[in-house]
Amino acid sequence: MENLKRALEITKVSRKVHFKILDHYTLEQLNFVPEGFKNNLFWNIAHIVVTQQLLVYRLSGLDTVVDEEWIELYRKGSSTKRDATEKELEELKVLLFATIDDTEKAIEEGLFKNYEAYMTSTGFELKNVNDAFEFNNFHEGIHLGYILALKKAIS
């Protein structure tokens, strides 16, 4: 359990970085898909929220905190289909932290008991929830790299 809490602390730092991006750019900039990219800043940040929910909750057999609509729009293999609204931006700002707060409570309640093994697209097999937490942080780092490239293309 201590490993889960430590991994969650790293996720919290990641989420603060992502929040600053949401807070710094206009909705128009967050929705802009530069030439050569298939997604925008908003999609990448919504994607990390959805992915954490799928890797940690769904593969543990638990209900996700995010709506199924968000999952369909921002899951692996999706791409920017439409511009996000101001309401969705505000919701994403809340979800960045609410999902982590919920995860922290779930850890304390011992809810992560089962896990369905999953092979990631990078070739790493997630065998348990500890793997999922650690891989999630790696995944958020990958998308932060995309975000930094997008920021350059927007400026």
N, C-alpha and C. Protein backbone atom coordinates (compact mmCIF):
# COMPACT_ATOMS: atom_id res chain seq x y z
N MET A 1 0.82 -1.19 0.00
CA MET A 1 0.00 0.00 0.00
C MET A 1 0.86 1.26 0.00
N GLU A 2 2.02 1.19 0.62
CA GLU A 2 2.92 2.36 0.64
C GLU A 2 3.39 2.71 -0.76
N ASN A 3 3.61 1.68 -1.60
CA ASN A 3 4.00 1.93 -3.00
C ASN A 3 2.90 2.67 -3.74
N LEU A 4 1.65 2.30 -3.49
CA LEU A 4 0.53 2.97 -4.15
C LEU A 4 0.46 4.44 -3.74
N LYS A 5 0.63 4.69 -2.48
CA LYS A 5 0.57 6.07 -2.00
C LYS A 5 1.70 6.91 -2.58
N ARG A 6 2.88 6.32 -2.70
CA ARG A 6 4.03 7.04 -3.27
C ARG A 6 3.78 7.33 -4.74
N ALA A 7 3.30 6.35 -5.47
CA ALA A 7 3.00 6.55 -6.89
C ALA A 7 1.93 7.62 -7.05
N LEU A 8 0.96 7.65 -6.16
CA LEU A 8 -0.10 8.65 -6.22
C LEU A 8 0.44 10.06 -5.96
N GLU A 9 1.44 10.17 -5.11
CA GLU A 9 2.08 11.48 -4.88
C GLU A 9 2.72 12.00 -6.16
N ILE A 10 3.33 11.11 -6.92
CA ILE A 10 3.91 11.50 -8.21
C ILE A 10 2.82 11.93 -9.16
N THR A 11 1.71 11.21 -9.17
CA THR A 11 0.58 11.58 -10.03
C THR A 11 0.06 12.97 -9.67
N LYS A 12 0.00 13.28 -8.38
CA LYS A 12 -0.47 14.60 -7.95
C LYS A 12 0.42 15.71 -8.52
N VAL A 13 1.72 15.49 -8.52
CA VAL A 13 2.64 16.48 -9.09
C VAL A 13 2.37 16.63 -10.58
N SER A 14 2.20 15.52 -11.26
CA SER A 14 1.89 15.55 -12.69
C SER A 14 0.61 16.34 -12.95
N ARG A 15 -0.40 16.10 -12.16
CA ARG A 15 -1.69 16.76 -12.36
C ARG A 15 -1.58 18.28 -12.14
N LYS A 16 -0.75 18.70 -11.21
CA LYS A 16 -0.55 20.13 -11.00
C LYS A 16 0.08 20.78 -12.24
N VAL A 17 1.01 20.09 -12.84
CA VAL A 17 1.64 20.60 -14.07
C VAL A 17 0.60 20.72 -15.18
N HIS A 18 -0.22 19.70 -15.33
CA HIS A 18 -1.26 19.72 -16.36
C HIS A 18 -2.31 20.80 -16.08
N PHE A 19 -2.64 21.00 -14.82
CA PHE A 19 -3.61 22.04 -14.47
C PHE A 19 -3.10 23.41 -14.89
N LYS A 20 -1.81 23.67 -14.65
CA LYS A 20 -1.23 24.96 -15.03
C LYS A 20 -1.37 25.20 -16.53
N ILE A 21 -1.27 24.17 -17.31
CA ILE A 21 -1.43 24.30 -18.77
C ILE A 21 -2.88 24.68 -19.08
N LEU A 22 -3.82 23.98 -18.47
CA LEU A 22 -5.24 24.30 -18.69
C LEU A 22 -5.55 25.74 -18.27
N ASP A 23 -4.92 26.16 -17.22
CA ASP A 23 -5.18 27.48 -16.67
C ASP A 23 -4.47 28.60 -17.45
N HIS A 24 -3.42 28.27 -18.14
CA HIS A 24 -2.59 29.27 -18.84
C HIS A 24 -3.10 29.60 -20.25
N TYR A 25 -3.65 28.61 -20.92
CA TYR A 25 -4.06 28.80 -22.32
C TYR A 25 -5.55 29.10 -22.44
N THR A 26 -5.91 29.80 -23.50
CA THR A 26 -7.32 30.07 -23.78
C THR A 26 -7.97 28.77 -24.27
N LEU A 27 -9.28 28.73 -24.24
CA LEU A 27 -10.00 27.57 -24.75
C LEU A 27 -9.68 27.36 -26.23
N GLU A 28 -9.56 28.44 -26.97
CA GLU A 28 -9.22 28.33 -28.39
C GLU A 28 -7.84 27.68 -28.57
N GLN A 29 -6.88 28.08 -27.77
CA GLN A 29 -5.55 27.47 -27.85
C GLN A 29 -5.57 26.01 -27.41
N LEU A 30 -6.33 25.71 -26.36
CA LEU A 30 -6.43 24.32 -25.88
C LEU A 30 -7.07 23.41 -26.92
N ASN A 31 -7.95 23.96 -27.75
CA ASN A 31 -8.65 23.18 -28.78
C ASN A 31 -7.90 23.12 -30.11
N PHE A 32 -6.89 23.94 -30.28
CA PHE A 32 -6.18 24.04 -31.56
C PHE A 32 -5.35 22.78 -31.81
N VAL A 33 -5.52 22.20 -33.00
CA VAL A 33 -4.72 21.05 -33.43
C VAL A 33 -3.74 21.56 -34.49
N PRO A 34 -2.46 21.71 -34.12
CA PRO A 34 -1.48 22.21 -35.09
C PRO A 34 -1.25 21.21 -36.23
N GLU A 35 -0.80 21.73 -37.34
CA GLU A 35 -0.48 20.87 -38.48
C GLU A 35 0.56 19.83 -38.03
N GLY A 36 0.34 18.59 -38.44
CA GLY A 36 1.24 17.51 -38.08
C GLY A 36 0.84 16.77 -36.80
N PHE A 37 -0.16 17.27 -36.11
CA PHE A 37 -0.65 16.64 -34.87
C PHE A 37 -2.07 16.16 -35.11
N LYS A 38 -2.48 15.14 -34.35
CA LYS A 38 -3.87 14.67 -34.48
C LYS A 38 -4.72 15.03 -33.27
N ASN A 39 -4.06 15.57 -32.24
CA ASN A 39 -4.78 15.94 -31.03
C ASN A 39 -4.32 17.30 -30.53
N ASN A 40 -5.04 17.82 -29.56
CA ASN A 40 -4.72 19.13 -29.01
C ASN A 40 -4.36 19.02 -27.53
N LEU A 41 -4.08 20.17 -26.92
CA LEU A 41 -3.74 20.19 -25.50
C LEU A 41 -4.86 19.61 -24.65
N PHE A 42 -6.09 20.03 -24.93
CA PHE A 42 -7.23 19.55 -24.14
C PHE A 42 -7.34 18.04 -24.22
N TRP A 43 -7.26 17.48 -25.43
CA TRP A 43 -7.38 16.03 -25.59
C TRP A 43 -6.32 15.30 -24.78
N ASN A 44 -5.09 15.76 -24.83
CA ASN A 44 -4.01 15.07 -24.12
C ASN A 44 -4.24 15.06 -22.61
N ILE A 45 -4.73 16.15 -22.08
CA ILE A 45 -4.96 16.20 -20.64
C ILE A 45 -6.19 15.39 -20.25
N ALA A 46 -7.24 15.46 -21.04
CA ALA A 46 -8.42 14.62 -20.77
C ALA A 46 -8.04 13.15 -20.92
N HIS A 47 -7.18 12.85 -21.86
CA HIS A 47 -6.74 11.47 -22.09
C HIS A 47 -6.02 10.89 -20.87
N ILE A 48 -5.19 11.67 -20.22
CA ILE A 48 -4.49 11.11 -19.05
C ILE A 48 -5.46 10.82 -17.91
N VAL A 49 -6.49 11.65 -17.78
CA VAL A 49 -7.51 11.41 -16.74
C VAL A 49 -8.25 10.11 -17.04
N VAL A 50 -8.68 9.96 -18.28
CA VAL A 50 -9.42 8.76 -18.69
C VAL A 50 -8.55 7.51 -18.57
N THR A 51 -7.33 7.60 -19.01
CA THR A 51 -6.44 6.44 -18.98
C THR A 51 -6.19 5.96 -17.55
N GLN A 52 -6.00 6.89 -16.62
CA GLN A 52 -5.81 6.51 -15.22
C GLN A 52 -7.03 5.74 -14.72
N GLN A 53 -8.20 6.19 -15.11
CA GLN A 53 -9.42 5.54 -14.69
C GLN A 53 -9.52 4.12 -15.25
N LEU A 54 -9.14 3.96 -16.51
CA LEU A 54 -9.22 2.64 -17.13
C LEU A 54 -8.15 1.69 -16.59
N LEU A 55 -6.92 2.17 -16.45
CA LEU A 55 -5.83 1.32 -15.97
C LEU A 55 -6.00 0.92 -14.51
N VAL A 56 -6.43 1.86 -13.70
CA VAL A 56 -6.49 1.61 -12.27
C VAL A 56 -7.85 1.06 -11.84
N TYR A 57 -8.92 1.70 -12.28
CA TYR A 57 -10.25 1.30 -11.82
C TYR A 57 -10.85 0.15 -12.64
N ARG A 58 -10.99 0.37 -13.93
CA ARG A 58 -11.70 -0.63 -14.73
C ARG A 58 -10.98 -1.98 -14.71
N LEU A 59 -9.65 -1.97 -14.82
CA LEU A 59 -8.93 -3.25 -14.79
C LEU A 59 -8.91 -3.87 -13.40
N SER A 60 -9.32 -3.10 -12.39
CA SER A 60 -9.49 -3.63 -11.03
C SER A 60 -10.93 -4.09 -10.80
N GLY A 61 -11.77 -3.95 -11.82
CA GLY A 61 -13.17 -4.35 -11.71
C GLY A 61 -14.03 -3.34 -10.98
N LEU A 62 -13.56 -2.09 -10.89
CA LEU A 62 -14.30 -1.05 -10.18
C LEU A 62 -14.90 -0.06 -11.18
N ASP A 63 -15.95 0.63 -10.76
CA ASP A 63 -16.55 1.67 -11.58
C ASP A 63 -15.62 2.86 -11.68
N THR A 64 -15.61 3.50 -12.84
CA THR A 64 -14.81 4.70 -13.02
C THR A 64 -15.55 5.90 -12.47
N VAL A 65 -14.80 6.95 -12.16
CA VAL A 65 -15.37 8.20 -11.67
C VAL A 65 -15.84 9.05 -12.85
N VAL A 66 -15.14 8.96 -13.97
CA VAL A 66 -15.49 9.76 -15.15
C VAL A 66 -16.62 9.10 -15.93
N ASP A 67 -17.42 9.92 -16.59
CA ASP A 67 -18.54 9.44 -17.39
C ASP A 67 -18.06 8.64 -18.59
N GLU A 68 -18.90 7.75 -19.03
CA GLU A 68 -18.60 6.92 -20.20
C GLU A 68 -18.37 7.78 -21.45
N GLU A 69 -19.06 8.91 -21.55
CA GLU A 69 -18.86 9.81 -22.69
C GLU A 69 -17.42 10.31 -22.75
N TRP A 70 -16.86 10.67 -21.60
CA TRP A 70 -15.46 11.11 -21.55
C TRP A 70 -14.54 9.96 -21.97
N ILE A 71 -14.86 8.77 -21.50
CA ILE A 71 -14.03 7.61 -21.84
C ILE A 71 -14.02 7.39 -23.35
N GLU A 72 -15.17 7.47 -23.98
CA GLU A 72 -15.24 7.27 -25.43
C GLU A 72 -14.50 8.37 -26.20
N LEU A 73 -14.58 9.59 -25.73
CA LEU A 73 -13.94 10.72 -26.42
C LEU A 73 -12.42 10.74 -26.26
N TYR A 74 -11.91 10.24 -25.13
CA TYR A 74 -10.50 10.46 -24.81
C TYR A 74 -9.70 9.19 -24.52
N ARG A 75 -10.26 8.04 -24.77
CA ARG A 75 -9.54 6.78 -24.52
C ARG A 75 -8.45 6.56 -25.56
N LYS A 76 -7.62 5.58 -25.29
CA LYS A 76 -6.57 5.17 -26.22
C LYS A 76 -7.19 4.90 -27.59
N GLY A 77 -6.53 5.40 -28.63
CA GLY A 77 -7.00 5.18 -29.99
C GLY A 77 -7.95 6.25 -30.49
N SER A 78 -8.40 7.13 -29.59
CA SER A 78 -9.29 8.21 -30.03
C SER A 78 -8.45 9.39 -30.49
N SER A 79 -9.11 10.34 -31.10
CA SER A 79 -8.44 11.58 -31.48
C SER A 79 -9.44 12.72 -31.34
N THR A 80 -8.94 13.93 -31.43
CA THR A 80 -9.79 15.10 -31.28
C THR A 80 -10.89 15.06 -32.33
N LYS A 81 -12.13 14.98 -31.87
CA LYS A 81 -13.28 14.91 -32.78
C LYS A 81 -14.01 16.25 -32.87
N ARG A 82 -13.91 17.03 -31.79
CA ARG A 82 -14.64 18.30 -31.73
C ARG A 82 -13.96 19.18 -30.69
N ASP A 83 -14.29 20.45 -30.74
CA ASP A 83 -13.76 21.38 -29.74
C ASP A 83 -14.44 21.14 -28.40
N ALA A 84 -13.65 21.24 -27.35
CA ALA A 84 -14.18 21.17 -26.00
C ALA A 84 -14.86 22.50 -25.68
N THR A 85 -15.83 22.45 -24.80
CA THR A 85 -16.55 23.65 -24.39
C THR A 85 -15.94 24.22 -23.11
N GLU A 86 -16.35 25.43 -22.78
CA GLU A 86 -15.90 26.05 -21.52
C GLU A 86 -16.34 25.20 -20.33
N LYS A 87 -17.54 24.65 -20.40
CA LYS A 87 -18.05 23.78 -19.33
C LYS A 87 -17.16 22.54 -19.18
N GLU A 88 -16.77 21.95 -20.30
CA GLU A 88 -15.90 20.76 -20.25
C GLU A 88 -14.52 21.11 -19.71
N LEU A 89 -14.03 22.30 -20.03
CA LEU A 89 -12.75 22.75 -19.49
C LEU A 89 -12.82 22.84 -17.97
N GLU A 90 -13.87 23.43 -17.47
CA GLU A 90 -14.03 23.54 -16.01
C GLU A 90 -14.16 22.15 -15.38
N GLU A 91 -14.88 21.27 -16.05
CA GLU A 91 -15.03 19.89 -15.55
C GLU A 91 -13.68 19.17 -15.53
N LEU A 92 -12.89 19.37 -16.57
CA LEU A 92 -11.57 18.71 -16.63
C LEU A 92 -10.67 19.21 -15.50
N LYS A 93 -10.72 20.50 -15.22
CA LYS A 93 -9.92 21.03 -14.12
C LYS A 93 -10.28 20.36 -12.81
N VAL A 94 -11.54 20.09 -12.61
CA VAL A 94 -11.99 19.40 -11.39
C VAL A 94 -11.58 17.93 -11.43
N LEU A 95 -11.79 17.28 -12.57
CA LEU A 95 -11.48 15.85 -12.69
C LEU A 95 -10.00 15.54 -12.49
N LEU A 96 -9.14 16.46 -12.87
CA LEU A 96 -7.70 16.23 -12.67
C LEU A 96 -7.39 15.85 -11.23
N PHE A 97 -8.06 16.49 -10.30
CA PHE A 97 -7.78 16.26 -8.88
C PHE A 97 -8.82 15.37 -8.20
N ALA A 98 -10.08 15.48 -8.63
CA ALA A 98 -11.14 14.65 -8.01
C ALA A 98 -10.86 13.16 -8.22
N THR A 99 -10.37 12.81 -9.40
CA THR A 99 -10.07 11.40 -9.67
C THR A 99 -8.94 10.90 -8.77
N ILE A 100 -7.99 11.75 -8.49
CA ILE A 100 -6.87 11.36 -7.63
C ILE A 100 -7.32 11.30 -6.17
N ASP A 101 -8.15 12.26 -5.75
CA ASP A 101 -8.70 12.22 -4.39
C ASP A 101 -9.50 10.94 -4.18
N ASP A 102 -10.31 10.59 -5.19
CA ASP A 102 -11.11 9.37 -5.12
C ASP A 102 -10.21 8.13 -5.05
N THR A 103 -9.14 8.15 -5.81
CA THR A 103 -8.19 7.03 -5.81
C THR A 103 -7.54 6.88 -4.45
N GLU A 104 -7.19 8.01 -3.86
CA GLU A 104 -6.58 7.98 -2.52
C GLU A 104 -7.53 7.34 -1.51
N LYS A 105 -8.80 7.70 -1.57
CA LYS A 105 -9.80 7.10 -0.67
C LYS A 105 -9.95 5.61 -0.94
N ALA A 106 -9.94 5.24 -2.22
CA ALA A 106 -10.08 3.83 -2.58
C ALA A 106 -8.91 3.00 -2.06
N ILE A 107 -7.72 3.59 -2.08
CA ILE A 107 -6.54 2.90 -1.52
C ILE A 107 -6.74 2.68 -0.02
N GLU A 108 -7.13 3.75 0.68
CA GLU A 108 -7.34 3.66 2.13
C GLU A 108 -8.42 2.65 2.49
N GLU A 109 -9.43 2.52 1.63
CA GLU A 109 -10.51 1.57 1.88
C GLU A 109 -10.18 0.15 1.41
N GLY A 110 -9.01 -0.01 0.81
CA GLY A 110 -8.58 -1.34 0.36
C GLY A 110 -9.40 -1.88 -0.80
N LEU A 111 -9.87 -1.02 -1.69
CA LEU A 111 -10.74 -1.45 -2.78
C LEU A 111 -9.99 -2.14 -3.93
N PHE A 112 -8.71 -1.91 -4.04
CA PHE A 112 -7.95 -2.49 -5.15
C PHE A 112 -7.45 -3.88 -4.78
N LYS A 113 -8.35 -4.85 -4.92
CA LYS A 113 -8.04 -6.23 -4.53
C LYS A 113 -7.77 -7.13 -5.73
N ASN A 114 -8.50 -6.90 -6.80
CA ASN A 114 -8.37 -7.73 -8.00
C ASN A 114 -7.77 -6.90 -9.11
N TYR A 115 -7.20 -7.59 -10.11
CA TYR A 115 -6.66 -6.88 -11.26
C TYR A 115 -6.62 -7.81 -12.46
N GLU A 116 -7.14 -7.32 -13.58
CA GLU A 116 -7.11 -8.06 -14.83
C GLU A 116 -5.84 -7.66 -15.59
N ALA A 117 -4.92 -8.60 -15.77
CA ALA A 117 -3.65 -8.29 -16.43
C ALA A 117 -3.91 -7.65 -17.79
N TYR A 118 -3.01 -6.74 -18.16
CA TYR A 118 -3.19 -5.96 -19.40
C TYR A 118 -1.83 -5.69 -20.02
N MET A 119 -1.72 -5.95 -21.33
CA MET A 119 -0.50 -5.66 -22.06
C MET A 119 -0.61 -4.26 -22.66
N THR A 120 0.28 -3.37 -22.29
CA THR A 120 0.24 -2.01 -22.81
C THR A 120 0.79 -1.97 -24.23
N SER A 121 0.51 -0.88 -24.92
CA SER A 121 1.00 -0.73 -26.30
C SER A 121 2.52 -0.58 -26.34
N THR A 122 3.14 -0.29 -25.20
CA THR A 122 4.60 -0.21 -25.15
C THR A 122 5.24 -1.57 -24.86
N GLY A 123 4.40 -2.59 -24.69
CA GLY A 123 4.91 -3.94 -24.47
C GLY A 123 5.15 -4.30 -23.02
N PHE A 124 4.65 -3.51 -22.10
CA PHE A 124 4.80 -3.80 -20.69
C PHE A 124 3.50 -4.39 -20.16
N GLU A 125 3.58 -5.54 -19.52
CA GLU A 125 2.37 -6.17 -18.98
C GLU A 125 2.10 -5.66 -17.57
N LEU A 126 0.90 -5.15 -17.39
CA LEU A 126 0.45 -4.74 -16.07
C LEU A 126 -0.18 -5.96 -15.42
N LYS A 127 0.42 -6.43 -14.33
CA LYS A 127 -0.06 -7.65 -13.69
C LYS A 127 -0.88 -7.38 -12.43
N ASN A 128 -0.75 -6.17 -11.90
CA ASN A 128 -1.46 -5.82 -10.67
C ASN A 128 -1.64 -4.31 -10.60
N VAL A 129 -2.36 -3.86 -9.59
CA VAL A 129 -2.65 -2.44 -9.49
C VAL A 129 -1.39 -1.61 -9.23
N ASN A 130 -0.39 -2.19 -8.56
CA ASN A 130 0.87 -1.47 -8.38
C ASN A 130 1.50 -1.15 -9.73
N ASP A 131 1.51 -2.13 -10.62
CA ASP A 131 2.03 -1.91 -11.98
C ASP A 131 1.23 -0.81 -12.66
N ALA A 132 -0.09 -0.82 -12.47
CA ALA A 132 -0.95 0.17 -13.12
C ALA A 132 -0.62 1.59 -12.64
N PHE A 133 -0.41 1.75 -11.36
CA PHE A 133 -0.07 3.07 -10.82
C PHE A 133 1.26 3.55 -11.38
N GLU A 134 2.25 2.67 -11.39
CA GLU A 134 3.57 3.06 -11.89
C GLU A 134 3.53 3.35 -13.38
N PHE A 135 2.85 2.50 -14.14
CA PHE A 135 2.76 2.72 -15.58
C PHE A 135 1.97 4.00 -15.87
N ASN A 136 0.95 4.27 -15.10
CA ASN A 136 0.17 5.48 -15.31
C ASN A 136 1.06 6.72 -15.24
N ASN A 137 1.97 6.75 -14.28
CA ASN A 137 2.88 7.90 -14.17
C ASN A 137 3.79 8.00 -15.40
N PHE A 138 4.27 6.89 -15.88
CA PHE A 138 5.06 6.85 -17.12
C PHE A 138 4.22 7.41 -18.27
N HIS A 139 2.98 6.96 -18.36
CA HIS A 139 2.06 7.39 -19.42
C HIS A 139 1.80 8.89 -19.35
N GLU A 140 1.59 9.42 -18.16
CA GLU A 140 1.37 10.85 -18.03
C GLU A 140 2.60 11.64 -18.46
N GLY A 141 3.78 11.08 -18.20
CA GLY A 141 5.02 11.72 -18.65
C GLY A 141 5.13 11.75 -20.16
N ILE A 142 4.73 10.67 -20.81
CA ILE A 142 4.73 10.63 -22.28
C ILE A 142 3.85 11.75 -22.83
N HIS A 143 2.67 11.89 -22.26
CA HIS A 143 1.76 12.91 -22.77
C HIS A 143 2.21 14.32 -22.41
N LEU A 144 2.95 14.47 -21.33
CA LEU A 144 3.51 15.78 -21.04
C LEU A 144 4.51 16.15 -22.14
N GLY A 145 5.24 15.17 -22.64
CA GLY A 145 6.14 15.42 -23.77
C GLY A 145 5.39 15.89 -25.00
N TYR A 146 4.28 15.23 -25.31
CA TYR A 146 3.43 15.67 -26.43
C TYR A 146 2.93 17.09 -26.20
N ILE A 147 2.53 17.36 -24.98
CA ILE A 147 2.00 18.67 -24.64
C ILE A 147 3.06 19.75 -24.84
N LEU A 148 4.28 19.46 -24.43
CA LEU A 148 5.36 20.44 -24.62
C LEU A 148 5.60 20.72 -26.10
N ALA A 149 5.51 19.68 -26.93
CA ALA A 149 5.65 19.86 -28.38
C ALA A 149 4.47 20.67 -28.93
N LEU A 150 3.27 20.38 -28.45
CA LEU A 150 2.10 21.15 -28.87
C LEU A 150 2.22 22.63 -28.47
N LYS A 151 2.72 22.87 -27.27
CA LYS A 151 2.89 24.25 -26.82
C LYS A 151 3.80 25.02 -27.77
N LYS A 152 4.88 24.39 -28.20
CA LYS A 152 5.78 25.04 -29.16
C LYS A 152 5.08 25.33 -30.47
N ALA A 153 4.27 24.40 -30.91
CA ALA A 153 3.55 24.57 -32.19
C ALA A 153 2.48 25.64 -32.09
N ILE A 154 1.96 25.87 -30.92
CA ILE A 154 0.91 26.87 -30.73
C ILE A 154 1.51 28.27 -30.64
N SER A 155 2.67 28.38 -29.99
CA SER A 155 3.29 29.70 -29.77
C SER A 155 3.81 30.33 -31.02
